[in-house]
Amino acid sequence: MGRRSHRRTLLLFGLLALYIVLQFLWWTVLLLRKDREAAELALSLQALGFGPDRPIDTARGTRMILGEGSVLLLLLLTVLYLTFRAIRRDLALARTQQNFLLAVTHELRTPIAAIKLQLQTLARPGLTTEQRELLRTQAVDEADRLAHLTDKVLMATRADEGGLELHPVRTDIMDLLHRSVERARTQLAPHHTLKLEGPGELLVQVDPQALRSIVDNLLENAAKYAPAGTTIDVTVVAGQDGWRLTVADEGPGIPEEDRQRIFEKFYRAGTEETRNAKGTGLGLYIVERLVRQLGGNITVKQRAPQGAIFAASFPNR
């Protein structure tokens, strides 16, 4: 469902809501007219000697109609507003799911096509040993890419179901980060300069696999949006109450209106048709879930002169 279809749906709902409100107001006016006619008829009958001798409160019916009508109108407007919010939320979810499907299709199609081409090339006669080894290595890299995407989808599904089981152990996070950064230099960010700063050793109680996933997704996100040749800085700062991990890039940064939503599942600024950097919208969602499950929190802010800084703070345990 495209943006035009979403706008058409909201427009139709708006017209329907307007029609309902106008009809309600019209029937209220008719009731007031009928009440006034009934009051005038009662006064005429009383003048002719029919009916009770006590004064007739002609404004009583008007007050009742306006009072009850106001309550009903308020309830009607509340229901329409809640319905509008639900429709808009469902349309936004449908749009993000559509973007996710487009992204996953692209992410799957590219490595599958590459593996197919490499296997077809391997079947050709006359290849040297070096050429065969290069093709084999490229095929393995593309298979690893597929496995990485599958792990993301599975981890996001487990996060939704509350099935991310953590097993904290005493871990030197600097050693873990050194290995993650070295791996990222060849796999996640081969066209960027990665720098790691922090203490020589920092022992904390943490789940190593969860922390590795947090770092990998943050580095992948930074490399995806920052231009090739720029620097990605990874910094660890230890304090008395906890420690903080920051990943800063030199990309375009994140607009203020998107900073509160980038950790939502499937959310990516823009559309798949106009976005250059491809992805699934799951990386930062997984990061936020893991950071929170480790007892921490994560924020994002603008880097001067340009770029984004993701800061994850964790308590000492």
C-alpha atoms as a PDB file:
ATOM      1  CA  MET A   1       0.000   0.000   0.000  1.00  0.00           C
ATOM      2  CA  GLY A   2       1.596   3.284  -1.127  1.00  0.00           C
ATOM      3  CA  ARG A   3       1.517   6.766   0.321  1.00  0.00           C
ATOM      4  CA  ARG A   4      -1.215   7.824  -2.112  1.00  0.00           C
ATOM      5  CA  SER A   5      -3.419   4.955  -0.969  1.00  0.00           C
ATOM      6  CA  HIS A   6      -2.756   5.868   2.676  1.00  0.00           C
ATOM      7  CA  ARG A   7      -3.734   9.487   2.048  1.00  0.00           C
ATOM      8  CA  ARG A   8      -6.876   8.345   0.231  1.00  0.00           C
ATOM      9  CA  THR A   9      -7.841   6.150   3.186  1.00  0.00           C
ATOM     10  CA  LEU A  10      -7.356   8.987   5.683  1.00  0.00           C
ATOM     11  CA  LEU A  11      -9.281  11.386   3.424  1.00  0.00           C
ATOM     12  CA  LEU A  12     -12.237   8.991   3.168  1.00  0.00           C
ATOM     13  CA  PHE A  13     -12.240   8.520   6.931  1.00  0.00           C
ATOM     14  CA  GLY A  14     -12.120  12.293   7.424  1.00  0.00           C
ATOM     15  CA  LEU A  15     -15.087  12.801   5.078  1.00  0.00           C
ATOM     16  CA  LEU A  16     -17.041  10.045   6.823  1.00  0.00           C
ATOM     17  CA  ALA A  17     -16.291  11.538  10.241  1.00  0.00           C
ATOM     18  CA  LEU A  18     -17.359  14.992   9.029  1.00  0.00           C
ATOM     19  CA  TYR A  19     -20.602  13.549   7.636  1.00  0.00           C
ATOM     20  CA  ILE A  20     -21.352  11.802  10.952  1.00  0.00           C
ATOM     21  CA  VAL A  21     -20.758  14.968  12.972  1.00  0.00           C
ATOM     22  CA  LEU A  22     -22.824  17.115  10.628  1.00  0.00           C
ATOM     23  CA  GLN A  23     -25.670  14.588  10.736  1.00  0.00           C
ATOM     24  CA  PHE A  24     -25.509  14.593  14.536  1.00  0.00           C
ATOM     25  CA  LEU A  25     -25.665  18.401  14.620  1.00  0.00           C
ATOM     26  CA  TRP A  26     -28.559  18.408  12.119  1.00  0.00           C
ATOM     27  CA  TRP A  27     -30.616  15.980  14.210  1.00  0.00           C
ATOM     28  CA  THR A  28     -29.854  18.086  17.275  1.00  0.00           C
ATOM     29  CA  VAL A  29     -31.237  21.148  15.508  1.00  0.00           C
ATOM     30  CA  LEU A  30     -34.352  19.171  14.480  1.00  0.00           C
ATOM     31  CA  LEU A  31     -34.885  18.014  18.066  1.00  0.00           C
ATOM     32  CA  LEU A  32     -34.589  21.587  19.318  1.00  0.00           C
ATOM     33  CA  ARG A  33     -37.151  22.717  16.750  1.00  0.00           C
ATOM     34  CA  LYS A  34     -39.559  19.926  17.696  1.00  0.00           C
ATOM     35  CA  ASP A  35     -39.089  20.689  21.378  1.00  0.00           C
ATOM     36  CA  ARG A  36     -39.830  24.360  20.763  1.00  0.00           C
ATOM     37  CA  GLU A  37     -42.936  23.454  18.727  1.00  0.00           C
ATOM     38  CA  ALA A  38     -44.095  21.107  21.503  1.00  0.00           C
ATOM     39  CA  ALA A  39     -43.574  23.839  24.098  1.00  0.00           C
ATOM     40  CA  GLU A  40     -45.525  26.354  21.980  1.00  0.00           C
ATOM     41  CA  LEU A  41     -48.330  23.812  21.543  1.00  0.00           C
ATOM     42  CA  ALA A  42     -48.438  23.192  25.290  1.00  0.00           C
ATOM     43  CA  LEU A  43     -48.682  26.926  25.944  1.00  0.00           C
ATOM     44  CA  SER A  44     -51.503  27.232  23.396  1.00  0.00           C
ATOM     45  CA  LEU A  45     -53.432  24.386  24.997  1.00  0.00           C
ATOM     46  CA  GLN A  46     -52.919  25.899  28.424  1.00  0.00           C
ATOM     47  CA  ALA A  47     -54.245  29.232  27.151  1.00  0.00           C
ATOM     48  CA  LEU A  48     -57.384  27.418  25.939  1.00  0.00           C
ATOM     49  CA  GLY A  49     -57.881  25.878  29.361  1.00  0.00           C
ATOM     50  CA  PHE A  50     -56.394  22.497  28.721  1.00  0.00           C
ATOM     51  CA  GLY A  51     -53.501  21.043  30.653  1.00  0.00           C
ATOM     52  CA  PRO A  52     -52.126  21.894  34.127  1.00  0.00           C
ATOM     53  CA  ASP A  53     -52.345  25.367  35.602  1.00  0.00           C
ATOM     54  CA  ARG A  54     -48.698  25.433  36.702  1.00  0.00           C
ATOM     55  CA  PRO A  55     -46.200  27.361  34.579  1.00  0.00           C
ATOM     56  CA  ILE A  56     -44.576  25.372  31.782  1.00  0.00           C
ATOM     57  CA  ASP A  57     -40.769  25.381  31.740  1.00  0.00           C
ATOM     58  CA  THR A  58     -40.173  25.816  28.015  1.00  0.00           C
ATOM     59  CA  ALA A  59     -36.391  25.887  28.436  1.00  0.00           C
ATOM     60  CA  ARG A  60     -36.217  22.524  30.245  1.00  0.00           C
ATOM     61  CA  GLY A  61     -36.320  20.430  27.078  1.00  0.00           C
ATOM     62  CA  THR A  62     -33.736  22.644  25.431  1.00  0.00           C
ATOM     63  CA  ARG A  63     -31.370  22.193  28.375  1.00  0.00           C
ATOM     64  CA  MET A  64     -31.841  18.420  28.314  1.00  0.00           C
ATOM     65  CA  ILE A  65     -31.229  18.183  24.571  1.00  0.00           C
ATOM     66  CA  LEU A  66     -28.160  20.409  24.678  1.00  0.00           C
ATOM     67  CA  GLY A  67     -26.746  18.691  27.771  1.00  0.00           C
ATOM     68  CA  GLU A  68     -27.213  15.131  26.583  1.00  0.00           C
ATOM     69  CA  GLY A  69     -26.279  16.132  23.049  1.00  0.00           C
ATOM     70  CA  SER A  70     -23.016  17.648  24.267  1.00  0.00           C
ATOM     71  CA  VAL A  71     -22.120  14.454  26.131  1.00  0.00           C
ATOM     72  CA  LEU A  72     -22.957  12.297  23.110  1.00  0.00           C
ATOM     73  CA  LEU A  73     -21.016  14.625  20.801  1.00  0.00           C
ATOM     74  CA  LEU A  74     -18.000  14.455  23.101  1.00  0.00           C
ATOM     75  CA  LEU A  75     -18.178  10.659  23.154  1.00  0.00           C
ATOM     76  CA  LEU A  76     -18.599  10.588  19.375  1.00  0.00           C
ATOM     77  CA  LEU A  77     -15.595  12.846  18.825  1.00  0.00           C
ATOM     78  CA  THR A  78     -13.525  10.731  21.227  1.00  0.00           C
ATOM     79  CA  VAL A  79     -14.424   7.530  19.377  1.00  0.00           C
ATOM     80  CA  LEU A  80     -13.665   9.146  16.022  1.00  0.00           C
ATOM     81  CA  TYR A  81     -10.308  10.435  17.299  1.00  0.00           C
ATOM     82  CA  LEU A  82      -9.310   7.033  18.703  1.00  0.00           C
ATOM     83  CA  THR A  83     -10.409   5.370  15.473  1.00  0.00           C
ATOM     84  CA  PHE A  84      -8.359   7.874  13.453  1.00  0.00           C
ATOM     85  CA  ARG A  85      -5.276   7.178  15.579  1.00  0.00           C
ATOM     86  CA  ALA A  86      -5.740   3.422  15.159  1.00  0.00           C
ATOM     87  CA  ILE A  87      -6.132   3.761  11.389  1.00  0.00           C
ATOM     88  CA  ARG A  88      -3.087   6.002  11.116  1.00  0.00           C
ATOM     89  CA  ARG A  89      -1.057   3.600  13.278  1.00  0.00           C
ATOM     90  CA  ASP A  90      -2.123   0.622  11.180  1.00  0.00           C
ATOM     91  CA  LEU A  91      -1.307   2.475   7.960  1.00  0.00           C
ATOM     92  CA  ALA A  92       2.120   3.428   9.319  1.00  0.00           C
ATOM     93  CA  LEU A  93       2.740  -0.184  10.328  1.00  0.00           C
ATOM     94  CA  ALA A  94       1.674  -1.372   6.883  1.00  0.00           C
ATOM     95  CA  ARG A  95       4.040   1.125   5.277  1.00  0.00           C
ATOM     96  CA  THR A  96       6.995   0.091   7.464  1.00  0.00           C
ATOM     97  CA  GLN A  97       6.255  -3.584   6.841  1.00  0.00           C
ATOM     98  CA  GLN A  98       6.160  -2.896   3.116  1.00  0.00           C
ATOM     99  CA  ASN A  99       9.524  -1.146   3.361  1.00  0.00           C
ATOM    100  CA  PHE A 100      10.843  -4.115   5.332  1.00  0.00           C
ATOM    101  CA  LEU A 101       9.703  -6.582   2.679  1.00  0.00           C
ATOM    102  CA  LEU A 102      11.282  -4.464  -0.057  1.00  0.00           C
ATOM    103  CA  ALA A 103      14.498  -4.226   1.925  1.00  0.00           C
ATOM    104  CA  VAL A 104      14.659  -7.938   2.751  1.00  0.00           C
ATOM    105  CA  THR A 105      13.928  -8.791  -0.874  1.00  0.00           C
ATOM    106  CA  HIS A 106      16.866  -6.674  -1.951  1.00  0.00           C
ATOM    107  CA  GLU A 107      19.136  -7.954   0.810  1.00  0.00           C
ATOM    108  CA  LEU A 108      18.330 -11.568  -0.086  1.00  0.00           C
ATOM    109  CA  ARG A 109      18.390 -11.182  -3.844  1.00  0.00           C
ATOM    110  CA  THR A 110      21.859  -9.623  -4.011  1.00  0.00           C
ATOM    111  CA  PRO A 111      23.866 -12.344  -2.193  1.00  0.00           C
ATOM    112  CA  ILE A 112      21.805 -15.151  -3.733  1.00  0.00           C
ATOM    113  CA  ALA A 113      22.508 -13.810  -7.216  1.00  0.00           C
ATOM    114  CA  ALA A 114      26.190 -13.395  -6.353  1.00  0.00           C
ATOM    115  CA  ILE A 115      26.505 -16.946  -4.987  1.00  0.00           C
ATOM    116  CA  LYS A 116      24.754 -18.326  -8.059  1.00  0.00           C
ATOM    117  CA  LEU A 117      27.113 -16.445 -10.365  1.00  0.00           C
ATOM    118  CA  GLN A 118      30.186 -17.552  -8.425  1.00  0.00           C
ATOM    119  CA  LEU A 119      29.108 -21.202  -8.466  1.00  0.00           C
ATOM    120  CA  GLN A 120      28.404 -21.020 -12.198  1.00  0.00           C
ATOM    121  CA  THR A 121      31.836 -19.494 -12.747  1.00  0.00           C
ATOM    122  CA  LEU A 122      33.483 -22.190 -10.629  1.00  0.00           C
ATOM    123  CA  ALA A 123      31.988 -24.813 -12.953  1.00  0.00           C
ATOM    124  CA  ARG A 124      33.815 -23.387 -15.936  1.00  0.00           C
ATOM    125  CA  PRO A 125      37.000 -25.139 -17.042  1.00  0.00           C
ATOM    126  CA  GLY A 126      40.361 -23.448 -17.251  1.00  0.00           C
ATOM    127  CA  LEU A 127      40.249 -21.503 -13.970  1.00  0.00           C
ATOM    128  CA  THR A 128      43.467 -21.145 -12.037  1.00  0.00           C
ATOM    129  CA  THR A 129      43.781 -22.152  -8.398  1.00  0.00           C
ATOM    130  CA  GLU A 130      43.887 -18.495  -7.359  1.00  0.00           C
ATOM    131  CA  GLN A 131      40.700 -17.728  -9.278  1.00  0.00           C
ATOM    132  CA  ARG A 132      38.890 -20.676  -7.742  1.00  0.00           C
ATOM    133  CA  GLU A 133      40.019 -19.659  -4.261  1.00  0.00           C
ATOM    134  CA  LEU A 134      38.834 -16.088  -4.852  1.00  0.00           C
ATOM    135  CA  LEU A 135      35.420 -17.264  -6.051  1.00  0.00           C
ATOM    136  CA  ARG A 136      35.119 -19.654  -3.111  1.00  0.00           C
ATOM    137  CA  THR A 137      35.995 -16.863  -0.659  1.00  0.00           C
ATOM    138  CA  GLN A 138      33.466 -14.512  -2.246  1.00  0.00           C
ATOM    139  CA  ALA A 139      30.756 -17.166  -2.096  1.00  0.00           C
ATOM    140  CA  VAL A 140      31.483 -17.784   1.592  1.00  0.00           C
ATOM    141  CA  ASP A 141      31.308 -14.025   2.289  1.00  0.00           C
ATOM    142  CA  GLU A 142      27.911 -13.807   0.581  1.00  0.00           C
ATOM    143  CA  ALA A 143      26.693 -16.841   2.534  1.00  0.00           C
ATOM    144  CA  ASP A 144      27.836 -15.138   5.739  1.00  0.00           C
ATOM    145  CA  ARG A 145      25.841 -12.091   4.675  1.00  0.00           C
ATOM    146  CA  LEU A 146      22.731 -14.240   4.299  1.00  0.00           C
ATOM    147  CA  ALA A 147      23.350 -15.819   7.696  1.00  0.00           C
ATOM    148  CA  HIS A 148      23.765 -12.367   9.262  1.00  0.00           C
ATOM    149  CA  LEU A 149      20.427 -11.237   7.825  1.00  0.00           C
ATOM    150  CA  THR A 150      18.722 -14.420   9.036  1.00  0.00           C
ATOM    151  CA  ASP A 151      20.156 -13.927  12.534  1.00  0.00           C
ATOM    152  CA  LYS A 152      18.789 -10.383  12.586  1.00  0.00           C
ATOM    153  CA  VAL A 153      15.276 -11.474  11.675  1.00  0.00           C
ATOM    154  CA  LEU A 154      15.324 -14.327  14.203  1.00  0.00           C
ATOM    155  CA  MET A 155      16.688 -12.101  16.969  1.00  0.00           C
ATOM    156  CA  ALA A 156      14.045  -9.444  16.288  1.00  0.00           C
ATOM    157  CA  THR A 157      11.349 -12.121  16.449  1.00  0.00           C
ATOM    158  CA  ARG A 158      12.682 -13.434  19.753  1.00  0.00           C
ATOM    159  CA  ALA A 159      12.842  -9.869  21.098  1.00  0.00           C
ATOM    160  CA  ASP A 160       9.141  -9.409  20.302  1.00  0.00           C
ATOM    161  CA  GLU A 161       8.318 -12.613  22.125  1.00  0.00           C
ATOM    162  CA  GLY A 162      10.521 -11.799  25.110  1.00  0.00           C
ATOM    163  CA  GLY A 163      12.741 -14.758  24.317  1.00  0.00           C
ATOM    164  CA  LEU A 164      16.161 -13.081  24.397  1.00  0.00           C
ATOM    165  CA  GLU A 165      17.832 -15.071  27.144  1.00  0.00           C
ATOM    166  CA  LEU A 166      20.998 -13.463  28.458  1.00  0.00           C
ATOM    167  CA  HIS A 167      23.838 -15.207  30.262  1.00  0.00           C
ATOM    168  CA  PRO A 168      26.025 -12.558  31.917  1.00  0.00           C
ATOM    169  CA  VAL A 169      29.615 -13.552  32.725  1.00  0.00           C
ATOM    170  CA  ARG A 170      32.702 -11.658  33.803  1.00  0.00           C
ATOM    171  CA  THR A 171      33.971 -10.213  30.526  1.00  0.00           C
ATOM    172  CA  ASP A 172      36.794  -7.935  29.462  1.00  0.00           C
ATOM    173  CA  ILE A 173      34.765  -5.717  27.179  1.00  0.00           C
ATOM    174  CA  MET A 174      37.868  -4.036  25.736  1.00  0.00           C
ATOM    175  CA  ASP A 175      39.126  -7.381  24.462  1.00  0.00           C
ATOM    176  CA  LEU A 176      35.672  -8.111  23.034  1.00  0.00           C
ATOM    177  CA  LEU A 177      35.543  -4.695  21.344  1.00  0.00           C
ATOM    178  CA  HIS A 178      39.047  -5.105  19.890  1.00  0.00           C
ATOM    179  CA  ARG A 179      37.948  -8.348  18.231  1.00  0.00           C
ATOM    180  CA  SER A 180      34.662  -6.817  17.022  1.00  0.00           C
ATOM    181  CA  VAL A 181      36.433  -3.805  15.513  1.00  0.00           C
ATOM    182  CA  GLU A 182      39.005  -6.012  13.779  1.00  0.00           C
ATOM    183  CA  ARG A 183      36.237  -8.122  12.304  1.00  0.00           C
ATOM    184  CA  ALA A 184      34.352  -5.003  11.222  1.00  0.00           C
ATOM    185  CA  ARG A 185      37.429  -3.702   9.377  1.00  0.00           C
ATOM    186  CA  THR A 186      37.152  -6.591   6.930  1.00  0.00           C
ATOM    187  CA  GLN A 187      33.420  -7.346   6.938  1.00  0.00           C
ATOM    188  CA  LEU A 188      31.138  -4.539   8.113  1.00  0.00           C
ATOM    189  CA  ALA A 189      33.178  -1.415   7.357  1.00  0.00           C
ATOM    190  CA  PRO A 190      36.033  -2.273   4.951  1.00  0.00           C
ATOM    191  CA  HIS A 191      35.952   1.206   3.397  1.00  0.00           C
ATOM    192  CA  HIS A 192      36.119   3.161   6.653  1.00  0.00           C
ATOM    193  CA  THR A 193      38.740   3.929   9.263  1.00  0.00           C
ATOM    194  CA  LEU A 194      37.823   2.461  12.641  1.00  0.00           C
ATOM    195  CA  LYS A 195      39.315   3.797  15.866  1.00  0.00           C
ATOM    196  CA  LEU A 196      38.849   2.299  19.335  1.00  0.00           C
ATOM    197  CA  GLU A 197      39.626   4.251  22.496  1.00  0.00           C
ATOM    198  CA  GLY A 198      39.214   3.200  26.098  1.00  0.00           C
ATOM    199  CA  PRO A 199      40.987   1.685  29.089  1.00  0.00           C
ATOM    200  CA  GLY A 200      43.415  -1.166  28.569  1.00  0.00           C
ATOM    201  CA  GLU A 201      41.086  -3.529  30.423  1.00  0.00           C
ATOM    202  CA  LEU A 202      37.548  -3.251  31.738  1.00  0.00           C
ATOM    203  CA  LEU A 203      35.941  -6.237  33.447  1.00  0.00           C
ATOM    204  CA  VAL A 204      32.149  -6.133  33.786  1.00  0.00           C
ATOM    205  CA  GLN A 205      29.314  -8.584  34.180  1.00  0.00           C
ATOM    206  CA  VAL A 206      27.683  -8.764  30.760  1.00  0.00           C
ATOM    207  CA  ASP A 207      26.423 -11.190  28.145  1.00  0.00           C
ATOM    208  CA  PRO A 208      29.244 -11.299  25.557  1.00  0.00           C
ATOM    209  CA  GLN A 209      27.006 -12.334  22.669  1.00  0.00           C
ATOM    210  CA  ALA A 210      24.528  -9.544  23.378  1.00  0.00           C
ATOM    211  CA  LEU A 211      27.280  -6.925  23.615  1.00  0.00           C
ATOM    212  CA  ARG A 212      28.887  -8.226  20.417  1.00  0.00           C
ATOM    213  CA  SER A 213      25.548  -7.910  18.627  1.00  0.00           C
ATOM    214  CA  ILE A 214      25.116  -4.342  19.909  1.00  0.00           C
ATOM    215  CA  VAL A 215      28.569  -3.323  18.672  1.00  0.00           C
ATOM    216  CA  ASP A 216      28.204  -5.078  15.308  1.00  0.00           C
ATOM    217  CA  ASN A 217      24.841  -3.445  14.587  1.00  0.00           C
ATOM    218  CA  LEU A 218      26.057   0.018  15.601  1.00  0.00           C
ATOM    219  CA  LEU A 219      29.179  -0.330  13.441  1.00  0.00           C
ATOM    220  CA  GLU A 220      27.155  -1.653  10.518  1.00  0.00           C
ATOM    221  CA  ASN A 221      24.704   1.241  10.849  1.00  0.00           C
ATOM    222  CA  ALA A 222      27.542   3.788  10.948  1.00  0.00           C
ATOM    223  CA  ALA A 223      29.289   2.265   7.925  1.00  0.00           C
ATOM    224  CA  LYS A 224      26.027   2.115   5.994  1.00  0.00           C
ATOM    225  CA  TYR A 225      25.320   5.849   6.157  1.00  0.00           C
ATOM    226  CA  ALA A 226      28.769   7.438   6.532  1.00  0.00           C
ATOM    227  CA  PRO A 227      30.677   8.099   3.277  1.00  0.00           C
ATOM    228  CA  ALA A 228      33.525   5.770   2.383  1.00  0.00           C
ATOM    229  CA  GLY A 229      36.880   6.955   3.674  1.00  0.00           C
ATOM    230  CA  THR A 230      35.464   8.609   6.800  1.00  0.00           C
ATOM    231  CA  THR A 231      36.272   7.623  10.376  1.00  0.00           C
ATOM    232  CA  ILE A 232      34.095   5.702  12.814  1.00  0.00           C
ATOM    233  CA  ASP A 233      35.109   6.268  16.444  1.00  0.00           C
ATOM    234  CA  VAL A 234      34.335   3.672  19.114  1.00  0.00           C
ATOM    235  CA  THR A 235      34.886   4.935  22.651  1.00  0.00           C
ATOM    236  CA  VAL A 236      34.502   3.315  26.072  1.00  0.00           C
ATOM    237  CA  VAL A 237      34.384   5.436  29.237  1.00  0.00           C
ATOM    238  CA  ALA A 238      34.308   3.823  32.679  1.00  0.00           C
ATOM    239  CA  GLY A 239      32.721   5.531  35.675  1.00  0.00           C
ATOM    240  CA  GLN A 240      31.840   4.785  39.278  1.00  0.00           C
ATOM    241  CA  ASP A 241      28.197   3.959  38.548  1.00  0.00           C
ATOM    242  CA  GLY A 242      28.667   2.280  35.180  1.00  0.00           C
ATOM    243  CA  TRP A 243      30.305   2.498  31.792  1.00  0.00           C
ATOM    244  CA  ARG A 244      29.401   3.989  28.444  1.00  0.00           C
ATOM    245  CA  LEU A 245      29.946   2.858  24.861  1.00  0.00           C
ATOM    246  CA  THR A 246      29.751   5.439  22.065  1.00  0.00           C
ATOM    247  CA  VAL A 247      29.911   4.936  18.310  1.00  0.00           C
ATOM    248  CA  ALA A 248      30.333   8.157  16.333  1.00  0.00           C
ATOM    249  CA  ASP A 249      30.362   8.500  12.557  1.00  0.00           C
ATOM    250  CA  GLU A 250      30.819  11.301  10.020  1.00  0.00           C
ATOM    251  CA  GLY A 251      27.653  10.681   8.030  1.00  0.00           C
ATOM    252  CA  PRO A 252      24.711  13.000   7.385  1.00  0.00           C
ATOM    253  CA  GLY A 253      23.387  12.591  10.917  1.00  0.00           C
ATOM    254  CA  ILE A 254      19.814  11.874  11.960  1.00  0.00           C
ATOM    255  CA  PRO A 255      17.087  14.530  11.727  1.00  0.00           C
ATOM    256  CA  GLU A 256      15.509  15.571  15.007  1.00  0.00           C
ATOM    257  CA  GLU A 257      12.085  14.236  13.980  1.00  0.00           C
ATOM    258  CA  ASP A 258      13.519  10.753  13.346  1.00  0.00           C
ATOM    259  CA  ARG A 259      15.584  10.335  16.531  1.00  0.00           C
ATOM    260  CA  GLN A 260      12.636   9.157  18.600  1.00  0.00           C
ATOM    261  CA  ARG A 261      11.601   6.569  16.008  1.00  0.00           C
ATOM    262  CA  ILE A 262      14.823   5.037  14.696  1.00  0.00           C
ATOM    263  CA  PHE A 263      14.729   2.367  17.402  1.00  0.00           C
ATOM    264  CA  GLU A 264      11.275   1.194  16.306  1.00  0.00           C
ATOM    265  CA  LYS A 265      10.995  -2.103  14.495  1.00  0.00           C
ATOM    266  CA  PHE A 266      11.220  -1.763  10.689  1.00  0.00           C
ATOM    267  CA  TYR A 267      11.448   2.035  10.894  1.00  0.00           C
ATOM    268  CA  ARG A 268      13.752   3.731   8.420  1.00  0.00           C
ATOM    269  CA  ALA A 269      13.633   7.374   7.390  1.00  0.00           C
ATOM    270  CA  GLY A 270      12.431   7.877   3.818  1.00  0.00           C
ATOM    271  CA  THR A 271      11.266   5.085   1.516  1.00  0.00           C
ATOM    272  CA  GLU A 272      12.955   2.111  -0.051  1.00  0.00           C
ATOM    273  CA  GLU A 273      12.483   3.624  -3.510  1.00  0.00           C
ATOM    274  CA  THR A 274      14.398   6.806  -2.672  1.00  0.00           C
ATOM    275  CA  ARG A 275      16.871   5.546  -0.064  1.00  0.00           C
ATOM    276  CA  ASN A 276      20.413   4.757  -1.209  1.00  0.00           C
ATOM    277  CA  ALA A 277      21.568   2.839   1.861  1.00  0.00           C
ATOM    278  CA  LYS A 278      19.728  -0.464   2.032  1.00  0.00           C
ATOM    279  CA  GLY A 279      18.764  -2.242   5.220  1.00  0.00           C
ATOM    280  CA  THR A 280      15.960  -3.996   7.059  1.00  0.00           C
ATOM    281  CA  GLY A 281      15.180  -1.535   9.853  1.00  0.00           C
ATOM    282  CA  LEU A 282      15.993  -4.205  12.446  1.00  0.00           C
ATOM    283  CA  GLY A 283      19.544  -3.347  13.531  1.00  0.00           C
ATOM    284  CA  LEU A 284      18.824  -0.409  15.820  1.00  0.00           C
ATOM    285  CA  TYR A 285      15.642  -2.094  17.079  1.00  0.00           C
ATOM    286  CA  ILE A 286      17.745  -5.069  18.199  1.00  0.00           C
ATOM    287  CA  VAL A 287      20.337  -2.729  19.727  1.00  0.00           C
ATOM    288  CA  GLU A 288      17.729  -0.892  21.801  1.00  0.00           C
ATOM    289  CA  ARG A 289      16.137  -4.139  23.028  1.00  0.00           C
ATOM    290  CA  LEU A 290      19.493  -5.664  24.012  1.00  0.00           C
ATOM    291  CA  VAL A 291      20.739  -2.496  25.715  1.00  0.00           C
ATOM    292  CA  ARG A 292      17.533  -2.240  27.715  1.00  0.00           C
ATOM    293  CA  GLN A 293      17.639  -5.922  28.659  1.00  0.00           C
ATOM    294  CA  LEU A 294      21.205  -5.413  29.910  1.00  0.00           C
ATOM    295  CA  GLY A 295      19.857  -2.707  32.230  1.00  0.00           C
ATOM    296  CA  GLY A 296      21.114   0.241  30.190  1.00  0.00           C
ATOM    297  CA  ASN A 297      19.763   2.897  27.880  1.00  0.00           C
ATOM    298  CA  ILE A 298      20.791   4.272  24.492  1.00  0.00           C
ATOM    299  CA  THR A 299      20.536   7.755  23.041  1.00  0.00           C
ATOM    300  CA  VAL A 300      21.463   9.398  19.757  1.00  0.00           C
ATOM    301  CA  LYS A 301      22.540  12.975  19.092  1.00  0.00           C
ATOM    302  CA  GLN A 302      24.079  15.065  16.362  1.00  0.00           C
ATOM    303  CA  ARG A 303      27.857  15.157  15.990  1.00  0.00           C
ATOM    304  CA  ALA A 304      29.657  18.400  15.147  1.00  0.00           C
ATOM    305  CA  PRO A 305      30.269  19.357  12.397  1.00  0.00           C
ATOM    306  CA  GLN A 306      28.324  16.388  11.006  1.00  0.00           C
ATOM    307  CA  GLY A 307      27.483  12.815  11.854  1.00  0.00           C
ATOM    308  CA  ALA A 308      25.639  10.906  14.548  1.00  0.00           C
ATOM    309  CA  ILE A 309      26.707   9.715  17.996  1.00  0.00           C
ATOM    310  CA  PHE A 310      25.069   6.650  19.525  1.00  0.00           C
ATOM    311  CA  ALA A 311      25.732   6.387  23.255  1.00  0.00           C
ATOM    312  CA  ALA A 312      24.822   3.264  25.240  1.00  0.00           C
ATOM    313  CA  SER A 313      25.147   3.508  29.025  1.00  0.00           C
ATOM    314  CA  PHE A 314      25.315   0.423  31.226  1.00  0.00           C
ATOM    315  CA  PRO A 315      25.316  -0.007  35.025  1.00  0.00           C
ATOM    316  CA  ASN A 316      28.108  -1.743  36.910  1.00  0.00           C
ATOM    317  CA  ARG A 317      27.030  -5.243  37.919  1.00  0.00           C
END
